[in-house]
Protein backbone atom coordinates (compact mmCIF):
# COMPACT_ATOMS: atom_id res chain seq x y z
CA MET A 1 4.09 8.62 -6.82
CA ILE A 2 4.13 11.46 -4.37
CA GLY A 3 0.64 12.02 -3.11
CA SER A 4 -1.51 11.45 -6.19
CA LYS A 5 1.10 12.69 -8.70
CA VAL A 6 3.32 10.51 -10.85
CA VAL A 7 6.97 11.39 -10.32
CA SER A 8 8.76 8.72 -12.29
CA TRP A 9 7.75 6.28 -15.01
CA SER A 10 9.72 4.27 -17.53
CA SER A 11 9.31 1.50 -20.03
CA LYS A 12 12.20 -0.31 -21.68
CA LYS A 13 13.47 -3.72 -22.68
CA GLN A 14 15.35 -5.60 -20.02
CA PRO A 15 19.06 -5.97 -20.81
CA ILE A 16 19.03 -9.57 -19.54
CA VAL A 17 17.53 -12.66 -21.14
CA THR A 18 15.44 -14.55 -18.59
CA LEU A 19 14.28 -18.14 -18.70
CA SER A 20 10.94 -17.58 -16.96
CA THR A 21 8.35 -14.93 -16.22
CA THR A 22 9.28 -15.25 -12.55
CA GLU A 23 12.83 -14.12 -13.28
CA ALA A 24 11.60 -11.31 -15.53
CA GLU A 25 9.22 -10.01 -12.86
CA PHE A 26 11.89 -10.34 -10.16
CA ILE A 27 14.37 -8.30 -12.21
CA ALA A 28 11.74 -5.65 -12.95
CA VAL A 29 10.88 -5.34 -9.25
CA ALA A 30 14.57 -5.15 -8.30
CA ASN A 31 15.12 -2.36 -10.83
CA SER A 32 12.06 -0.56 -9.45
CA ALA A 33 13.48 -0.84 -5.94
CA CYS A 34 16.81 0.64 -7.07
CA GLN A 35 15.06 3.55 -8.77
CA GLY A 36 12.82 4.08 -5.73
CA ILE A 37 15.80 4.23 -3.37
CA TRP A 38 17.60 6.65 -5.68
CA LEU A 39 14.54 8.89 -5.91
CA SER A 40 13.91 8.85 -2.15
CA ARG A 41 17.52 9.87 -1.48
CA ILE A 42 17.24 12.79 -3.89
CA LEU A 43 13.96 13.92 -2.33
CA ALA A 44 15.49 13.63 1.16
CA GLN A 45 18.40 15.87 0.10
CA ILE A 46 16.10 18.42 -1.50
CA SER A 47 13.61 18.67 1.33
CA LYS A 48 15.99 17.70 4.17
CA GLY A 49 13.16 15.56 5.50
CA LYS A 50 13.22 12.06 6.83
CA LYS A 51 13.02 9.12 4.45
CA ASN A 52 9.71 7.32 4.07
CA CYS A 53 9.27 3.64 3.31
CA ILE A 54 8.99 2.61 -0.31
CA THR A 55 6.15 0.26 -1.21
CA ILE A 56 6.53 -1.80 -4.37
CA TYR A 57 3.63 -3.93 -5.56
CA CYS A 58 4.13 -7.18 -7.47
CA ASP A 59 1.34 -9.53 -8.56
CA ASN A 60 3.51 -12.53 -9.41
CA ARG A 61 3.41 -14.97 -6.48
CA SER A 62 6.54 -16.81 -7.58
CA SER A 63 8.53 -13.56 -7.69
CA ILE A 64 7.31 -12.63 -4.24
CA LYS A 65 8.39 -16.04 -2.89
CA LEU A 66 11.74 -15.70 -4.67
CA SER A 67 12.33 -12.31 -3.04
CA LYS A 68 11.66 -13.78 0.41
CA ASN A 69 13.85 -16.86 -0.12
CA PRO A 70 16.44 -16.43 -2.91
């Protein structure tokens, strides 16, 4: 989102079979991070402004712990 406007949204099946919901959430968050970085680089090139931090929210505690200690 930029301001209060939605810029990007997608819904699709994951191409990987996971063994747990933790893995599925972790993969979804990682894909979101990749898309967020890509989008921020495009916006930085268009506006020639500085890059802002990307905040990604995840409500799965196990995925959050996995991201901190893989």
